[in-house]
PDB file of N, CA and C in Angstrom:
ATOM      1  N   MET A   1      17.480 -12.357   8.443  1.00  0.00           N
ATOM      2  CA  MET A   1      16.721 -12.215   7.300  1.00  0.00           C
ATOM      3  C   MET A   1      16.031 -10.824   6.998  1.00  0.00           C
ATOM      4  N   THR A   2      16.226 -10.109   5.695  1.00  0.00           N
ATOM      5  CA  THR A   2      15.790  -8.751   5.729  1.00  0.00           C
ATOM      6  C   THR A   2      14.139  -8.615   6.323  1.00  0.00           C
ATOM      7  N   CYS A   3      13.983  -7.591   7.122  1.00  0.00           N
ATOM      8  CA  CYS A   3      12.585  -7.083   7.203  1.00  0.00           C
ATOM      9  C   CYS A   3      12.381  -5.812   6.608  1.00  0.00           C
ATOM     10  N   HIS A   4      11.107  -5.921   6.470  1.00  0.00           N
ATOM     11  CA  HIS A   4      10.445  -4.389   5.628  1.00  0.00           C
ATOM     12  C   HIS A   4       9.655  -3.703   6.563  1.00  0.00           C
ATOM     13  N   ALA A   5       9.317  -2.681   6.613  1.00  0.00           N
ATOM     14  CA  ALA A   5       8.432  -1.788   7.198  1.00  0.00           C
ATOM     15  C   ALA A   5       7.709  -1.339   5.971  1.00  0.00           C
ATOM     16  N   VAL A   6       6.371  -1.988   5.862  1.00  0.00           N
ATOM     17  CA  VAL A   6       5.559  -1.312   4.648  1.00  0.00           C
ATOM     18  C   VAL A   6       4.570  -0.147   5.212  1.00  0.00           C
ATOM     19  N   GLY A   7       4.346   0.430   4.281  1.00  0.00           N
ATOM     20  CA  GLY A   7       3.137   1.644   4.765  1.00  0.00           C
ATOM     21  C   GLY A   7       2.436   1.726   3.631  1.00  0.00           C
ATOM     22  N   LEU A   8       1.137   1.879   3.725  1.00  0.00           N
ATOM     23  CA  LEU A   8       0.468   1.899   2.745  1.00  0.00           C
ATOM     24  C   LEU A   8      -0.784   3.330   3.294  1.00  0.00           C
ATOM     25  N   LEU A   9      -0.232   4.189   3.052  1.00  0.00           N
ATOM     26  CA  LEU A   9      -0.796   5.756   3.576  1.00  0.00           C
ATOM     27  C   LEU A   9      -1.654   6.540   2.490  1.00  0.00           C
ATOM     28  N   HIS A  10      -2.823   7.021   2.925  1.00  0.00           N
ATOM     29  CA  HIS A  10      -3.789   7.631   2.143  1.00  0.00           C
ATOM     30  C   HIS A  10      -4.349   9.041   2.969  1.00  0.00           C
ATOM     31  N   ALA A  11      -4.644   9.948   1.933  1.00  0.00           N
ATOM     32  CA  ALA A  11      -5.642  11.365   2.913  1.00  0.00           C
ATOM     33  C   ALA A  11      -4.183  11.946   3.516  1.00  0.00           C
ATOM     34  N   VAL A  12      -3.124  12.265   2.820  1.00  0.00           N
ATOM     35  CA  VAL A  12      -1.915  12.659   3.432  1.00  0.00           C
ATOM     36  C   VAL A  12      -2.405  14.132   3.502  1.00  0.00           C
ATOM     37  N   GLU A  13      -2.073  14.987   4.192  1.00  0.00           N
ATOM     38  CA  GLU A  13      -2.037  16.523   4.350  1.00  0.00           C
ATOM     39  C   GLU A  13      -0.884  17.249   4.709  1.00  0.00           C
ATOM     40  N   MET A  14      -0.176  17.491   3.614  1.00  0.00           N
ATOM     41  CA  MET A  14       0.886  17.865   3.333  1.00  0.00           C
ATOM     42  C   MET A  14       1.153  19.209   3.886  1.00  0.00           C
ATOM     43  N   GLY A  15       2.016  19.890   4.947  1.00  0.00           N
ATOM     44  CA  GLY A  15       1.847  21.116   5.811  1.00  0.00           C
ATOM     45  C   GLY A  15       3.061  20.962   6.836  1.00  0.00           C
ATOM     46  N   PRO A  16       3.334  21.734   7.545  1.00  0.00           N
ATOM     47  CA  PRO A  16       4.758  22.018   8.195  1.00  0.00           C
ATOM     48  C   PRO A  16       5.188  20.567   8.562  1.00  0.00           C
ATOM     49  N   GLU A  17       4.392  19.805   9.544  1.00  0.00           N
ATOM     50  CA  GLU A  17       4.591  18.549  10.198  1.00  0.00           C
ATOM     51  C   GLU A  17       4.974  17.718   9.375  1.00  0.00           C
ATOM     52  N   ILE A  18       4.311  17.578   8.612  1.00  0.00           N
ATOM     53  CA  ILE A  18       4.520  16.168   7.547  1.00  0.00           C
ATOM     54  C   ILE A  18       5.879  16.469   6.910  1.00  0.00           C
ATOM     55  N   VAL A  19       6.323  17.950   6.395  1.00  0.00           N
ATOM     56  CA  VAL A  19       7.580  18.135   6.291  1.00  0.00           C
ATOM     57  C   VAL A  19       8.723  17.873   7.046  1.00  0.00           C
ATOM     58  N   ALA A  20       8.269  18.169   8.511  1.00  0.00           N
ATOM     59  CA  ALA A  20       9.231  18.181   9.509  1.00  0.00           C
ATOM     60  C   ALA A  20       9.588  16.568   9.539  1.00  0.00           C
ATOM     61  N   TYR A  21       8.515  15.474   9.403  1.00  0.00           N
ATOM     62  CA  TYR A  21       8.544  14.222   9.280  1.00  0.00           C
ATOM     63  C   TYR A  21       9.605  13.940   8.213  1.00  0.00           C
ATOM     64  N   LEU A  22       9.525  14.201   7.226  1.00  0.00           N
ATOM     65  CA  LEU A  22      10.102  13.661   6.107  1.00  0.00           C
ATOM     66  C   LEU A  22      11.711  13.900   5.852  1.00  0.00           C
ATOM     67  N   GLU A  23      11.808  15.746   6.551  1.00  0.00           N
ATOM     68  CA  GLU A  23      12.954  15.490   7.095  1.00  0.00           C
ATOM     69  C   GLU A  23      13.890  15.025   7.830  1.00  0.00           C
ATOM     70  N   GLY A  24      13.140  14.569   8.803  1.00  0.00           N
ATOM     71  CA  GLY A  24      13.820  13.611   9.838  1.00  0.00           C
ATOM     72  C   GLY A  24      13.894  12.541   9.889  1.00  0.00           C
ATOM     73  N   ILE A  25      12.839  11.705   9.120  1.00  0.00           N
ATOM     74  CA  ILE A  25      12.869  10.366   9.024  1.00  0.00           C
ATOM     75  C   ILE A  25      14.274   9.484   8.575  1.00  0.00           C
ATOM     76  N   ASP A  26      15.164  10.199   7.581  1.00  0.00           N
ATOM     77  CA  ASP A  26      16.280   9.659   7.295  1.00  0.00           C
ATOM     78  C   ASP A  26      17.206   9.130   8.469  1.00  0.00           C
ATOM     79  N   ALA A  27      17.718  10.601   9.262  1.00  0.00           N
ATOM     80  CA  ALA A  27      18.218  10.506  10.261  1.00  0.00           C
ATOM     81  C   ALA A  27      17.886   9.267  11.073  1.00  0.00           C
ATOM     82  N   THR A  28      16.687   8.796  11.305  1.00  0.00           N
ATOM     83  CA  THR A  28      16.074   7.845  12.534  1.00  0.00           C
ATOM     84  C   THR A  28      16.607   6.605  11.860  1.00  0.00           C
ATOM     85  N   LEU A  29      16.793   6.557  10.477  1.00  0.00           N
ATOM     86  CA  LEU A  29      16.771   5.019   9.725  1.00  0.00           C
ATOM     87  C   LEU A  29      18.066   4.517   9.916  1.00  0.00           C
ATOM     88  N   ALA A  30      19.101   5.561  10.191  1.00  0.00           N
ATOM     89  CA  ALA A  30      20.550   5.039   9.872  1.00  0.00           C
ATOM     90  C   ALA A  30      21.115   4.142  10.889  1.00  0.00           C
ATOM     91  N   PRO A  31      20.690   4.783  12.097  1.00  0.00           N
ATOM     92  CA  PRO A  31      21.490   3.553  13.033  1.00  0.00           C
ATOM     93  C   PRO A  31      20.615   2.226  13.387  1.00  0.00           C
ATOM     94  N   PHE A  32      19.871   2.002  12.535  1.00  0.00           N
ATOM     95  CA  PHE A  32      19.253   0.858  12.341  1.00  0.00           C
ATOM     96  C   PHE A  32      19.550  -0.383  10.969  1.00  0.00           C
ATOM     97  N   GLY A  33      20.326   0.598  10.322  1.00  0.00           N
ATOM     98  CA  GLY A  33      20.797   0.073   8.630  1.00  0.00           C
ATOM     99  C   GLY A  33      19.552  -0.158   7.709  1.00  0.00           C
ATOM    100  N   GLY A  34      18.412   0.715   8.110  1.00  0.00           N
ATOM    101  CA  GLY A  34      17.342   1.098   7.541  1.00  0.00           C
ATOM    102  C   GLY A  34      17.404   1.984   6.158  1.00  0.00           C
ATOM    103  N   ARG A  35      16.497   1.292   4.868  1.00  0.00           N
ATOM    104  CA  ARG A  35      16.664   2.475   3.931  1.00  0.00           C
ATOM    105  C   ARG A  35      15.616   2.107   2.982  1.00  0.00           C
ATOM    106  N   PHE A  36      15.425   3.276   2.360  1.00  0.00           N
ATOM    107  CA  PHE A  36      14.000   2.889   1.429  1.00  0.00           C
ATOM    108  C   PHE A  36      14.372   2.254   0.611  1.00  0.00           C
ATOM    109  N   LEU A  37      13.154   1.714  -0.083  1.00  0.00           N
ATOM    110  CA  LEU A  37      12.892   0.589  -1.528  1.00  0.00           C
ATOM    111  C   LEU A  37      12.078   1.597  -2.035  1.00  0.00           C
ATOM    112  N   ILE A  38      11.141   1.951  -1.596  1.00  0.00           N
ATOM    113  CA  ILE A  38       9.923   2.382  -2.281  1.00  0.00           C
ATOM    114  C   ILE A  38       9.685   3.549  -1.254  1.00  0.00           C
ATOM    115  N   HIS A  39       9.199   4.601  -2.007  1.00  0.00           N
ATOM    116  CA  HIS A  39       8.717   5.797  -1.051  1.00  0.00           C
ATOM    117  C   HIS A  39       7.851   6.444  -2.122  1.00  0.00           C
ATOM    118  N   GLY A  40       6.359   6.073  -2.263  1.00  0.00           N
ATOM    119  CA  GLY A  40       5.412   6.659  -3.042  1.00  0.00           C
ATOM    120  C   GLY A  40       5.747   6.493  -4.413  1.00  0.00           C
ATOM    121  N   GLY A  41       5.713   7.320  -5.243  1.00  0.00           N
ATOM    122  CA  GLY A  41       5.907   7.317  -6.718  1.00  0.00           C
ATOM    123  C   GLY A  41       4.628   7.371  -7.512  1.00  0.00           C
ATOM    124  N   PRO A  42       4.615   7.800  -8.960  1.00  0.00           N
ATOM    125  CA  PRO A  42       3.739   7.521  -9.994  1.00  0.00           C
ATOM    126  C   PRO A  42       3.322   5.786  -9.708  1.00  0.00           C
ATOM    127  N   ARG A  43       2.439   5.025 -10.149  1.00  0.00           N
ATOM    128  CA  ARG A  43       1.956   4.077 -10.463  1.00  0.00           C
ATOM    129  C   ARG A  43       1.368   3.630 -11.664  1.00  0.00           C
ATOM    130  N   GLU A  44       1.439   2.634 -12.131  1.00  0.00           N
ATOM    131  CA  GLU A  44       0.688   2.028 -13.272  1.00  0.00           C
ATOM    132  C   GLU A  44      -0.079   0.788 -13.066  1.00  0.00           C
ATOM    133  N   ALA A  45      -1.284   0.731 -12.855  1.00  0.00           N
ATOM    134  CA  ALA A  45      -2.330  -0.133 -12.424  1.00  0.00           C
ATOM    135  C   ALA A  45      -2.195  -0.951 -13.376  1.00  0.00           C
ATOM    136  N   LEU A  46      -2.093  -2.295 -13.054  1.00  0.00           N
ATOM    137  CA  LEU A  46      -2.212  -3.774 -14.135  1.00  0.00           C
ATOM    138  C   LEU A  46      -3.290  -4.105 -13.803  1.00  0.00           C
ATOM    139  N   GLU A  47      -3.808  -4.294 -12.596  1.00  0.00           N
ATOM    140  CA  GLU A  47      -5.344  -5.356 -12.132  1.00  0.00           C
ATOM    141  C   GLU A  47      -5.898  -4.043 -10.869  1.00  0.00           C
ATOM    142  N   GLY A  48      -6.810  -4.109 -10.716  1.00  0.00           N
ATOM    143  CA  GLY A  48      -7.521  -3.199  -9.856  1.00  0.00           C
ATOM    144  C   GLY A  48      -7.055  -1.672  -9.670  1.00  0.00           C
ATOM    145  N   GLN A  49      -7.168  -1.272  -8.619  1.00  0.00           N
ATOM    146  CA  GLN A  49      -6.979   0.372  -8.486  1.00  0.00           C
ATOM    147  C   GLN A  49      -6.441   0.260  -7.156  1.00  0.00           C
ATOM    148  N   CYS A  50      -5.367   1.357  -6.924  1.00  0.00           N
ATOM    149  CA  CYS A  50      -4.828   1.725  -5.664  1.00  0.00           C
ATOM    150  C   CYS A  50      -4.759   2.911  -5.477  1.00  0.00           C
ATOM    151  N   ASP A  51      -5.719   3.653  -4.261  1.00  0.00           N
ATOM    152  CA  ASP A  51      -5.453   4.634  -4.192  1.00  0.00           C
ATOM    153  C   ASP A  51      -4.590   5.498  -2.920  1.00  0.00           C
ATOM    154  N   ARG A  52      -3.485   4.345  -2.766  1.00  0.00           N
ATOM    155  CA  ARG A  52      -2.745   4.728  -1.490  1.00  0.00           C
ATOM    156  C   ARG A  52      -1.323   4.811  -2.125  1.00  0.00           C
ATOM    157  N   ASP A  53      -0.266   5.335  -1.147  1.00  0.00           N
ATOM    158  CA  ASP A  53       0.862   5.613  -1.046  1.00  0.00           C
ATOM    159  C   ASP A  53       1.576   4.293  -0.699  1.00  0.00           C
ATOM    160  N   LEU A  54       2.345   3.616  -1.301  1.00  0.00           N
ATOM    161  CA  LEU A  54       3.367   2.409  -0.938  1.00  0.00           C
ATOM    162  C   LEU A  54       4.415   3.179  -0.421  1.00  0.00           C
ATOM    163  N   ILE A  55       4.774   2.576   0.718  1.00  0.00           N
ATOM    164  CA  ILE A  55       6.174   3.091   1.428  1.00  0.00           C
ATOM    165  C   ILE A  55       7.085   1.562   1.629  1.00  0.00           C
ATOM    166  N   VAL A  56       8.185   1.379   1.390  1.00  0.00           N
ATOM    167  CA  VAL A  56       8.734   0.048   1.908  1.00  0.00           C
ATOM    168  C   VAL A  56      10.493   0.322   2.291  1.00  0.00           C
ATOM    169  N   ILE A  57      10.555   0.245   3.628  1.00  0.00           N
ATOM    170  CA  ILE A  57      11.887   0.589   3.998  1.00  0.00           C
ATOM    171  C   ILE A  57      12.663  -0.869   4.444  1.00  0.00           C
ATOM    172  N   ALA A  58      13.545  -1.149   4.007  1.00  0.00           N
ATOM    173  CA  ALA A  58      14.178  -2.256   4.367  1.00  0.00           C
ATOM    174  C   ALA A  58      15.116  -2.151   5.098  1.00  0.00           C
ATOM    175  N   PHE A  59      15.157  -3.303   6.669  1.00  0.00           N
ATOM    176  CA  PHE A  59      16.056  -3.575   7.187  1.00  0.00           C
ATOM    177  C   PHE A  59      16.876  -4.893   7.300  1.00  0.00           C
ATOM    178  N   PRO A  60      18.158  -4.700   8.008  1.00  0.00           N
ATOM    179  CA  PRO A  60      18.593  -6.214   7.860  1.00  0.00           C
ATOM    180  C   PRO A  60      18.100  -7.162   8.715  1.00  0.00           C
ATOM    181  N   ASP A  61      17.238  -6.991   9.879  1.00  0.00           N
ATOM    182  CA  ASP A  61      16.350  -8.167  10.314  1.00  0.00           C
ATOM    183  C   ASP A  61      15.380  -7.146  11.181  1.00  0.00           C
ATOM    184  N   ARG A  62      14.269  -7.903  11.842  1.00  0.00           N
ATOM    185  CA  ARG A  62      13.120  -7.882  12.261  1.00  0.00           C
ATOM    186  C   ARG A  62      13.636  -7.002  13.497  1.00  0.00           C
ATOM    187  N   ALA A  63      14.483  -7.671  14.207  1.00  0.00           N
ATOM    188  CA  ALA A  63      14.813  -6.490  15.389  1.00  0.00           C
ATOM    189  C   ALA A  63      15.431  -5.301  15.046  1.00  0.00           C
ATOM    190  N   ALA A  64      16.078  -5.311  14.110  1.00  0.00           N
ATOM    191  CA  ALA A  64      16.840  -3.751  13.502  1.00  0.00           C
ATOM    192  C   ALA A  64      15.215  -2.701  13.711  1.00  0.00           C
ATOM    193  N   ALA A  65      14.552  -3.471  12.468  1.00  0.00           N
ATOM    194  CA  ALA A  65      12.767  -3.106  12.174  1.00  0.00           C
ATOM    195  C   ALA A  65      12.212  -2.653  13.571  1.00  0.00           C
ATOM    196  N   ARG A  66      11.962  -3.325  14.529  1.00  0.00           N
ATOM    197  CA  ARG A  66      11.359  -3.282  15.620  1.00  0.00           C
ATOM    198  C   ARG A  66      12.044  -1.858  16.495  1.00  0.00           C
ATOM    199  N   ALA A  67      13.468  -2.148  16.475  1.00  0.00           N
ATOM    200  CA  ALA A  67      14.067  -0.882  17.440  1.00  0.00           C
ATOM    201  C   ALA A  67      13.917   0.814  16.813  1.00  0.00           C
ATOM    202  N   TRP A  68      14.074   0.205  15.220  1.00  0.00           N
ATOM    203  CA  TRP A  68      13.743   1.590  14.513  1.00  0.00           C
ATOM    204  C   TRP A  68      12.422   2.043  15.125  1.00  0.00           C
ATOM    205  N   TYR A  69      11.442   1.415  14.884  1.00  0.00           N
ATOM    206  CA  TYR A  69       9.931   2.048  15.295  1.00  0.00           C
ATOM    207  C   TYR A  69      10.181   2.381  16.737  1.00  0.00           C
ATOM    208  N   ALA A  70      10.280   1.857  17.696  1.00  0.00           N
ATOM    209  CA  ALA A  70      10.366   2.321  19.088  1.00  0.00           C
ATOM    210  C   ALA A  70      11.384   3.299  19.435  1.00  0.00           C
ATOM    211  N   SER A  71      12.536   3.655  18.880  1.00  0.00           N
ATOM    212  CA  SER A  71      13.444   4.293  18.964  1.00  0.00           C
ATOM    213  C   SER A  71      12.957   5.943  19.439  1.00  0.00           C
ATOM    214  N   PRO A  72      13.451   6.700  20.495  1.00  0.00           N
ATOM    215  CA  PRO A  72      13.101   7.726  20.806  1.00  0.00           C
ATOM    216  C   PRO A  72      13.171   9.039  19.516  1.00  0.00           C
ATOM    217  N   ALA A  73      13.995   8.703  18.811  1.00  0.00           N
ATOM    218  CA  ALA A  73      14.438   9.498  17.395  1.00  0.00           C
ATOM    219  C   ALA A  73      13.254   9.575  16.694  1.00  0.00           C
ATOM    220  N   TYR A  74      12.804   8.097  16.193  1.00  0.00           N
ATOM    221  CA  TYR A  74      11.610   7.930  15.510  1.00  0.00           C
ATOM    222  C   TYR A  74      10.289   8.220  16.136  1.00  0.00           C
ATOM    223  N   ARG A  75      10.529   7.891  17.398  1.00  0.00           N
ATOM    224  CA  ARG A  75       8.964   8.011  18.002  1.00  0.00           C
ATOM    225  C   ARG A  75       8.421   9.727  18.270  1.00  0.00           C
ATOM    226  N   ALA A  76       9.533  10.253  18.233  1.00  0.00           N
ATOM    227  CA  ALA A  76       9.533  11.905  18.609  1.00  0.00           C
ATOM    228  C   ALA A  76       9.083  12.726  16.758  1.00  0.00           C
ATOM    229  N   ILE A  77       9.043  12.081  15.877  1.00  0.00           N
ATOM    230  CA  ILE A  77       8.452  12.373  14.689  1.00  0.00           C
ATOM    231  C   ILE A  77       7.279  11.552  14.504  1.00  0.00           C
ATOM    232  N   LEU A  78       6.802  10.734  15.080  1.00  0.00           N
ATOM    233  CA  LEU A  78       5.955   9.674  14.114  1.00  0.00           C
ATOM    234  C   LEU A  78       4.306  10.441  14.246  1.00  0.00           C
ATOM    235  N   PRO A  79       3.951  11.150  15.602  1.00  0.00           N
ATOM    236  CA  PRO A  79       2.775  12.273  15.528  1.00  0.00           C
ATOM    237  C   PRO A  79       2.646  12.691  14.626  1.00  0.00           C
ATOM    238  N   PHE A  80       3.567  13.779  13.790  1.00  0.00           N
ATOM    239  CA  PHE A  80       3.654  14.209  12.858  1.00  0.00           C
ATOM    240  C   PHE A  80       3.045  13.451  11.754  1.00  0.00           C
ATOM    241  N   ARG A  81       3.494  12.247  11.456  1.00  0.00           N
ATOM    242  CA  ARG A  81       3.051  11.603  10.319  1.00  0.00           C
ATOM    243  C   ARG A  81       1.294  11.313  10.830  1.00  0.00           C
ATOM    244  N   GLN A  82       1.207  10.457  11.895  1.00  0.00           N
ATOM    245  CA  GLN A  82      -0.117  10.038  12.373  1.00  0.00           C
ATOM    246  C   GLN A  82      -1.532  11.022  12.371  1.00  0.00           C
ATOM    247  N   ARG A  83      -0.719  12.378  12.544  1.00  0.00           N
ATOM    248  CA  ARG A  83      -1.717  13.627  12.700  1.00  0.00           C
ATOM    249  C   ARG A  83      -2.219  13.806  11.486  1.00  0.00           C
ATOM    250  N   HIS A  84      -1.150  13.516  10.124  1.00  0.00           N
ATOM    251  CA  HIS A  84      -1.870  14.037   8.989  1.00  0.00           C
ATOM    252  C   HIS A  84      -1.959  13.185   7.889  1.00  0.00           C
ATOM    253  N   ALA A  85      -1.882  11.742   8.128  1.00  0.00           N
ATOM    254  CA  ALA A  85      -2.081  10.598   7.220  1.00  0.00           C
ATOM    255  C   ALA A  85      -2.854   9.492   7.625  1.00  0.00           C
ATOM    256  N   LYS A  86      -3.627   8.899   6.936  1.00  0.00           N
ATOM    257  CA  LYS A  86      -4.388   7.710   7.389  1.00  0.00           C
ATOM    258  C   LYS A  86      -3.553   6.385   6.598  1.00  0.00           C
ATOM    259  N   GLY A  87      -3.532   5.107   7.211  1.00  0.00           N
ATOM    260  CA  GLY A  87      -3.040   3.869   6.145  1.00  0.00           C
ATOM    261  C   GLY A  87      -2.949   3.017   7.369  1.00  0.00           C
ATOM    262  N   GLU A  88      -2.395   1.869   6.967  1.00  0.00           N
ATOM    263  CA  GLU A  88      -1.628   1.034   7.835  1.00  0.00           C
ATOM    264  C   GLU A  88       0.049   1.038   7.596  1.00  0.00           C
ATOM    265  N   VAL A  89       0.660   0.209   8.719  1.00  0.00           N
ATOM    266  CA  VAL A  89       2.141   0.418   8.568  1.00  0.00           C
ATOM    267  C   VAL A  89       2.402  -1.311   9.758  1.00  0.00           C
ATOM    268  N   PHE A  90       3.387  -1.898   8.931  1.00  0.00           N
ATOM    269  CA  PHE A  90       3.523  -3.102   9.686  1.00  0.00           C
ATOM    270  C   PHE A  90       4.811  -3.497   9.001  1.00  0.00           C
ATOM    271  N   LEU A  91       5.660  -4.715   9.715  1.00  0.00           N
ATOM    272  CA  LEU A  91       6.461  -5.265   9.129  1.00  0.00           C
ATOM    273  C   LEU A  91       6.359  -6.598   8.739  1.00  0.00           C
ATOM    274  N   ILE A  92       7.125  -7.378   7.614  1.00  0.00           N
ATOM    275  CA  ILE A  92       6.881  -8.179   7.117  1.00  0.00           C
ATOM    276  C   ILE A  92       8.433  -8.877   6.417  1.00  0.00           C
ATOM    277  N   ASP A  93       8.545 -10.006   6.805  1.00  0.00           N
ATOM    278  CA  ASP A  93       9.986 -10.625   6.347  1.00  0.00           C
ATOM    279  C   ASP A  93      10.132 -10.623   4.979  1.00  0.00           C
ATOM    280  N   GLY A  94      10.877 -10.197   4.213  1.00  0.00           N
ATOM    281  CA  GLY A  94      11.845 -10.870   3.051  1.00  0.00           C
ATOM    282  C   GLY A  94      12.267 -12.176   3.019  1.00  0.00           C
ATOM    283  N   VAL A  95      11.991 -12.657   1.606  1.00  0.00           N
ATOM    284  CA  VAL A  95      12.393 -14.134   1.320  1.00  0.00           C
ATOM    285  C   VAL A  95      13.860 -13.924   1.049  1.00  0.00           C
ATOM    286  N   GLU A  96      14.447 -15.195   0.947  1.00  0.00           N
ATOM    287  CA  GLU A  96      15.658 -15.738   0.516  1.00  0.00           C
ATOM    288  C   GLU A  96      16.011 -16.009  -0.813  1.00  0.00           C
ATOM    289  N   GLU A  97      17.255 -15.149  -1.037  1.00  0.00           N
ATOM    290  CA  GLU A  97      17.284 -15.469  -2.395  1.00  0.00           C
ATOM    291  C   GLU A  97      17.294 -16.755  -2.998  1.00  0.00           C
ATOM    292  N   GLY A  98      16.813 -16.852  -4.197  1.00  0.00           N
ATOM    293  CA  GLY A  98      16.190 -17.969  -4.848  1.00  0.00           C
ATOM    294  C   GLY A  98      14.923 -18.634  -4.505  1.00  0.00           C
ATOM    295  N   HIS A  99      13.861 -17.895  -3.387  1.00  0.00           N
ATOM    296  CA  HIS A  99      12.766 -18.268  -3.397  1.00  0.00           C
ATOM    297  C   HIS A  99      11.759 -18.412  -4.378  1.00  0.00           C
ATOM    298  N   ARG A 100      10.864 -19.302  -4.280  1.00  0.00           N
ATOM    299  CA  ARG A 100      10.347 -19.633  -5.677  1.00  0.00           C
ATOM    300  C   ARG A 100       8.842 -19.813  -5.021  1.00  0.00           C
ATOM    301  N   ALA A 101       7.891 -19.260  -5.403  1.00  0.00           N
ATOM    302  CA  ALA A 101       6.450 -19.230  -5.319  1.00  0.00           C
ATOM    303  C   ALA A 101       5.810 -20.172  -4.379  1.00  0.00           C
ATOM    304  N   ALA A 102       6.179 -21.462  -5.521  1.00  0.00           N
ATOM    305  CA  ALA A 102       5.762 -22.726  -4.716  1.00  0.00           C
ATOM    306  C   ALA A 102       6.441 -23.331  -3.308  1.00  0.00           C
ATOM    307  N   ASP A 103       7.388 -22.347  -2.731  1.00  0.00           N
ATOM    308  CA  ASP A 103       8.197 -22.975  -1.881  1.00  0.00           C
ATOM    309  C   ASP A 103       7.495 -22.480  -0.505  1.00  0.00           C
ATOM    310  N   ILE A 104       6.245 -21.859  -0.612  1.00  0.00           N
ATOM    311  CA  ILE A 104       5.315 -21.837   0.621  1.00  0.00           C
ATOM    312  C   ILE A 104       3.968 -23.051   0.672  1.00  0.00           C
ATOM    313  N   LEU A 105       4.107 -23.821  -0.343  1.00  0.00           N
ATOM    314  CA  LEU A 105       3.641 -24.882  -0.757  1.00  0.00           C
ATOM    315  C   LEU A 105       3.993 -25.717   0.825  1.00  0.00           C
ATOM    316  N   ARG A 106       5.426 -25.751   0.597  1.00  0.00           N
ATOM    317  CA  ARG A 106       6.036 -26.716   1.508  1.00  0.00           C
ATOM    318  C   ARG A 106       6.250 -26.098   2.698  1.00  0.00           C
ATOM    319  N   GLY A 107       6.085 -25.085   3.235  1.00  0.00           N
ATOM    320  CA  GLY A 107       6.683 -24.256   4.544  1.00  0.00           C
ATOM    321  C   GLY A 107       8.015 -24.015   4.267  1.00  0.00           C
ATOM    322  N   ALA A 108       8.722 -23.806   2.919  1.00  0.00           N
ATOM    323  CA  ALA A 108      10.049 -23.020   3.106  1.00  0.00           C
ATOM    324  C   ALA A 108      10.170 -21.717   3.358  1.00  0.00           C
TER     325      ALA A 108
END
């Protein structure tokens, strides 16, 4: 099942280390089948307000997502982001094609 690495970031301080992080992250994703689905961008608020940048990276499965995050290549650039941005980063599984909202009521 597809797994997503999700980041909700704010207080990003653009500078040389963030630039190095952005220039380096794509190469860290490739060996694990990771690809960006969402990478910040303009938001249109329909309800409430969100002051964070949303980043979503898709992986073939949770094992690949974990392996990417733990990889030496990613761990080498991770401190660049951590020193210059705040927020949450987590893994969450996707849903199967055809999933319906009420499926969670049945444990599907």
